[in-house]
Amino acid sequence: METQVRYGIAVVAVAATLTAGAVRLSAQDKPEAKAAAAKTEQVNRITILVSGGEKEAPVENASVYLKYVEERKIFKDKKTELNVKTNRDGSAHIPDAPIGKVLIQVVAEGWKTYGRWVEITDSKQVIKVHLDRPPKWY
């Protein structure tokens, strides 16, 4: 009988130790989750505002291309292109945009094509693009 009581006490002690360890682990996981959430908030997000005409009206559904080169030490440099569309407000948001020199091209139906090299210096930079109407063909 005494061995059964000792065995029961040992089982209870092991269970209490495991529960305390699980509580410690869950308490340790919380700071890591907060750090991971903080990392996702610190993302480069470039905003490109596209307007056109004399009234500077927002241009909807324009294709915005962002081209840049990732420099490598061993292999050839990698050329990357991102493509997004503008919304009703004429703004296009580009997540994970690189810091440095990029080529921005804007193509919209009924508007002249735009293309310029731009230096991105800030992670939350806003770039304004103005489109003109194409010349008349006679």
C-alpha atoms as a PDB file:
ATOM      1  CA  MET A   1       0.000   0.000   0.000  1.00  0.00           C
ATOM      2  CA  GLU A   2       2.828   2.374   0.849  1.00  0.00           C
ATOM      3  CA  THR A   3       4.407   1.838  -2.555  1.00  0.00           C
ATOM      4  CA  GLN A   4       1.154   2.808  -4.237  1.00  0.00           C
ATOM      5  CA  VAL A   5       0.958   6.025  -2.203  1.00  0.00           C
ATOM      6  CA  ARG A   6       4.592   6.828  -2.964  1.00  0.00           C
ATOM      7  CA  TYR A   7       3.947   6.074  -6.633  1.00  0.00           C
ATOM      8  CA  GLY A   8       0.879   8.372  -6.616  1.00  0.00           C
ATOM      9  CA  ILE A   9       2.851  11.162  -4.947  1.00  0.00           C
ATOM     10  CA  ALA A  10       5.629  10.767  -7.514  1.00  0.00           C
ATOM     11  CA  VAL A  11       3.114  10.981 -10.384  1.00  0.00           C
ATOM     12  CA  VAL A  12       1.571  14.133  -8.898  1.00  0.00           C
ATOM     13  CA  ALA A  13       5.027  15.690  -8.436  1.00  0.00           C
ATOM     14  CA  VAL A  14       6.008  14.928 -12.055  1.00  0.00           C
ATOM     15  CA  ALA A  15       2.706  16.330 -13.346  1.00  0.00           C
ATOM     16  CA  ALA A  16       3.182  19.521 -11.310  1.00  0.00           C
ATOM     17  CA  THR A  17       6.728  19.923 -12.665  1.00  0.00           C
ATOM     18  CA  LEU A  18       5.557  19.459 -16.260  1.00  0.00           C
ATOM     19  CA  THR A  19       2.725  21.957 -15.770  1.00  0.00           C
ATOM     20  CA  ALA A  20       5.118  24.544 -14.319  1.00  0.00           C
ATOM     21  CA  GLY A  21       7.482  23.973 -17.251  1.00  0.00           C
ATOM     22  CA  ALA A  22       4.630  24.433 -19.736  1.00  0.00           C
ATOM     23  CA  VAL A  23       3.637  27.700 -18.049  1.00  0.00           C
ATOM     24  CA  ARG A  24       7.248  28.903 -18.290  1.00  0.00           C
ATOM     25  CA  LEU A  25       7.413  27.969 -21.970  1.00  0.00           C
ATOM     26  CA  SER A  26       4.196  29.783 -22.786  1.00  0.00           C
ATOM     27  CA  ALA A  27       5.470  32.864 -20.934  1.00  0.00           C
ATOM     28  CA  GLN A  28       8.689  32.708 -22.949  1.00  0.00           C
ATOM     29  CA  ASP A  29       6.798  32.384 -26.244  1.00  0.00           C
ATOM     30  CA  LYS A  30       4.978  35.684 -25.754  1.00  0.00           C
ATOM     31  CA  PRO A  31       8.053  37.964 -26.117  1.00  0.00           C
ATOM     32  CA  GLU A  32       9.060  36.050 -29.248  1.00  0.00           C
ATOM     33  CA  ALA A  33       5.594  36.543 -30.704  1.00  0.00           C
ATOM     34  CA  LYS A  34       5.807  40.257 -29.943  1.00  0.00           C
ATOM     35  CA  ALA A  35       9.232  40.461 -31.589  1.00  0.00           C
ATOM     36  CA  ALA A  36       7.921  38.672 -34.684  1.00  0.00           C
ATOM     37  CA  ALA A  37       4.973  41.069 -34.869  1.00  0.00           C
ATOM     38  CA  ALA A  38       7.346  44.032 -34.553  1.00  0.00           C
ATOM     39  CA  LYS A  39       9.444  42.696 -37.439  1.00  0.00           C
ATOM     40  CA  THR A  40       6.389  42.496 -39.702  1.00  0.00           C
ATOM     41  CA  GLU A  41       5.488  46.096 -38.883  1.00  0.00           C
ATOM     42  CA  GLN A  42       8.936  47.360 -39.957  1.00  0.00           C
ATOM     43  CA  VAL A  43       8.407  46.535 -43.641  1.00  0.00           C
ATOM     44  CA  ASN A  44       9.410  48.847 -46.472  1.00  0.00           C
ATOM     45  CA  ARG A  45       6.220  50.066 -48.094  1.00  0.00           C
ATOM     46  CA  ILE A  46       6.564  52.586 -50.891  1.00  0.00           C
ATOM     47  CA  THR A  47       3.486  54.501 -52.038  1.00  0.00           C
ATOM     48  CA  ILE A  48       3.265  55.839 -55.591  1.00  0.00           C
ATOM     49  CA  LEU A  49       0.591  58.467 -56.286  1.00  0.00           C
ATOM     50  CA  VAL A  50      -0.373  58.695 -59.975  1.00  0.00           C
ATOM     51  CA  SER A  51      -2.236  61.774 -61.224  1.00  0.00           C
ATOM     52  CA  GLY A  52      -2.834  63.101 -64.700  1.00  0.00           C
ATOM     53  CA  GLY A  53      -4.020  66.060 -66.738  1.00  0.00           C
ATOM     54  CA  GLU A  54      -4.222  69.725 -65.882  1.00  0.00           C
ATOM     55  CA  LYS A  55      -6.608  69.073 -62.999  1.00  0.00           C
ATOM     56  CA  GLU A  56      -4.246  66.447 -61.524  1.00  0.00           C
ATOM     57  CA  ALA A  57      -7.037  63.860 -61.325  1.00  0.00           C
ATOM     58  CA  PRO A  58      -6.073  60.447 -59.908  1.00  0.00           C
ATOM     59  CA  VAL A  59      -5.457  57.813 -62.600  1.00  0.00           C
ATOM     60  CA  GLU A  60      -7.243  54.560 -61.806  1.00  0.00           C
ATOM     61  CA  ASN A  61      -6.105  51.089 -62.942  1.00  0.00           C
ATOM     62  CA  ALA A  62      -2.665  52.193 -64.162  1.00  0.00           C
ATOM     63  CA  SER A  63       0.086  49.568 -64.217  1.00  0.00           C
ATOM     64  CA  VAL A  64       3.072  50.527 -62.083  1.00  0.00           C
ATOM     65  CA  TYR A  65       6.323  48.631 -62.673  1.00  0.00           C
ATOM     66  CA  LEU A  66       9.201  48.824 -60.209  1.00  0.00           C
ATOM     67  CA  LYS A  67      12.490  47.410 -61.551  1.00  0.00           C
ATOM     68  CA  TYR A  68      15.727  47.051 -59.614  1.00  0.00           C
ATOM     69  CA  VAL A  69      18.916  44.988 -59.497  1.00  0.00           C
ATOM     70  CA  GLU A  70      19.961  42.879 -56.509  1.00  0.00           C
ATOM     71  CA  GLU A  71      23.756  42.844 -56.355  1.00  0.00           C
ATOM     72  CA  ARG A  72      25.416  39.512 -55.610  1.00  0.00           C
ATOM     73  CA  LYS A  73      28.995  38.612 -54.758  1.00  0.00           C
ATOM     74  CA  ILE A  74      29.311  35.204 -56.422  1.00  0.00           C
ATOM     75  CA  PHE A  75      26.645  34.976 -59.144  1.00  0.00           C
ATOM     76  CA  LYS A  76      25.438  37.504 -61.717  1.00  0.00           C
ATOM     77  CA  ASP A  77      23.306  40.343 -60.399  1.00  0.00           C
ATOM     78  CA  LYS A  78      19.612  39.426 -60.175  1.00  0.00           C
ATOM     79  CA  LYS A  79      17.140  41.697 -61.994  1.00  0.00           C
ATOM     80  CA  THR A  80      13.768  41.901 -60.264  1.00  0.00           C
ATOM     81  CA  GLU A  81      10.494  43.478 -61.398  1.00  0.00           C
ATOM     82  CA  LEU A  82       7.379  44.172 -59.334  1.00  0.00           C
ATOM     83  CA  ASN A  83       4.034  44.987 -60.942  1.00  0.00           C
ATOM     84  CA  VAL A  84       1.065  46.590 -59.153  1.00  0.00           C
ATOM     85  CA  LYS A  85      -2.051  48.512 -60.203  1.00  0.00           C
ATOM     86  CA  THR A  86      -3.377  51.809 -58.882  1.00  0.00           C
ATOM     87  CA  ASN A  87      -6.660  51.997 -56.997  1.00  0.00           C
ATOM     88  CA  ARG A  88      -9.451  54.593 -57.335  1.00  0.00           C
ATOM     89  CA  ASP A  89      -7.378  57.171 -55.478  1.00  0.00           C
ATOM     90  CA  GLY A  90      -4.529  56.718 -57.961  1.00  0.00           C
ATOM     91  CA  SER A  91      -2.221  55.217 -55.355  1.00  0.00           C
ATOM     92  CA  ALA A  92      -0.197  52.014 -55.621  1.00  0.00           C
ATOM     93  CA  HIS A  93       1.430  50.434 -52.576  1.00  0.00           C
ATOM     94  CA  ILE A  94       4.572  48.375 -53.091  1.00  0.00           C
ATOM     95  CA  PRO A  95       5.497  46.117 -50.156  1.00  0.00           C
ATOM     96  CA  ASP A  96       9.103  45.083 -49.500  1.00  0.00           C
ATOM     97  CA  ALA A  97      10.511  47.683 -51.874  1.00  0.00           C
ATOM     98  CA  PRO A  98      14.308  47.908 -51.855  1.00  0.00           C
ATOM     99  CA  ILE A  99      16.251  50.888 -50.579  1.00  0.00           C
ATOM    100  CA  GLY A 100      18.371  52.336 -53.382  1.00  0.00           C
ATOM    101  CA  LYS A 101      18.059  53.179 -57.061  1.00  0.00           C
ATOM    102  CA  VAL A 102      14.945  51.818 -58.839  1.00  0.00           C
ATOM    103  CA  LEU A 103      13.238  52.343 -62.188  1.00  0.00           C
ATOM    104  CA  ILE A 104       9.562  53.321 -61.936  1.00  0.00           C
ATOM    105  CA  GLN A 105       7.426  52.921 -65.054  1.00  0.00           C
ATOM    106  CA  VAL A 106       3.727  53.797 -65.251  1.00  0.00           C
ATOM    107  CA  VAL A 107       1.516  52.655 -68.128  1.00  0.00           C
ATOM    108  CA  ALA A 108      -2.141  53.713 -68.343  1.00  0.00           C
ATOM    109  CA  GLU A 109      -4.635  53.621 -71.193  1.00  0.00           C
ATOM    110  CA  GLY A 110      -5.117  57.081 -72.716  1.00  0.00           C
ATOM    111  CA  TRP A 111      -2.002  58.533 -71.045  1.00  0.00           C
ATOM    112  CA  LYS A 112       1.627  58.968 -72.038  1.00  0.00           C
ATOM    113  CA  THR A 113       3.941  56.334 -70.576  1.00  0.00           C
ATOM    114  CA  TYR A 114       6.116  57.495 -67.675  1.00  0.00           C
ATOM    115  CA  GLY A 115       9.533  56.138 -66.729  1.00  0.00           C
ATOM    116  CA  ARG A 116      12.206  57.544 -64.372  1.00  0.00           C
ATOM    117  CA  TRP A 117      15.041  56.333 -62.166  1.00  0.00           C
ATOM    118  CA  VAL A 118      14.307  57.227 -58.534  1.00  0.00           C
ATOM    119  CA  GLU A 119      16.469  56.960 -55.419  1.00  0.00           C
ATOM    120  CA  ILE A 120      14.485  55.418 -52.543  1.00  0.00           C
ATOM    121  CA  THR A 121      15.922  56.575 -49.229  1.00  0.00           C
ATOM    122  CA  ASP A 122      13.046  56.092 -46.747  1.00  0.00           C
ATOM    123  CA  SER A 123      11.087  52.937 -45.910  1.00  0.00           C
ATOM    124  CA  LYS A 124       7.760  54.824 -46.028  1.00  0.00           C
ATOM    125  CA  GLN A 125       8.527  57.104 -48.988  1.00  0.00           C
ATOM    126  CA  VAL A 126       5.744  58.599 -51.143  1.00  0.00           C
ATOM    127  CA  ILE A 127       6.526  59.203 -54.832  1.00  0.00           C
ATOM    128  CA  LYS A 128       4.290  61.442 -56.947  1.00  0.00           C
ATOM    129  CA  VAL A 129       3.962  60.732 -60.678  1.00  0.00           C
ATOM    130  CA  HIS A 130       2.204  63.076 -63.123  1.00  0.00           C
ATOM    131  CA  LEU A 131       0.996  61.748 -66.474  1.00  0.00           C
ATOM    132  CA  ASP A 132       0.267  63.817 -69.580  1.00  0.00           C
ATOM    133  CA  ARG A 133      -2.058  63.165 -72.503  1.00  0.00           C
ATOM    134  CA  PRO A 134      -0.340  61.907 -75.662  1.00  0.00           C
ATOM    135  CA  PRO A 135       0.066  64.309 -78.614  1.00  0.00           C
ATOM    136  CA  LYS A 136      -2.662  64.332 -81.308  1.00  0.00           C
ATOM    137  CA  TRP A 137      -1.913  62.465 -84.535  1.00  0.00           C
ATOM    138  CA  TYR A 138      -3.277  64.076 -87.694  1.00  0.00           C
END
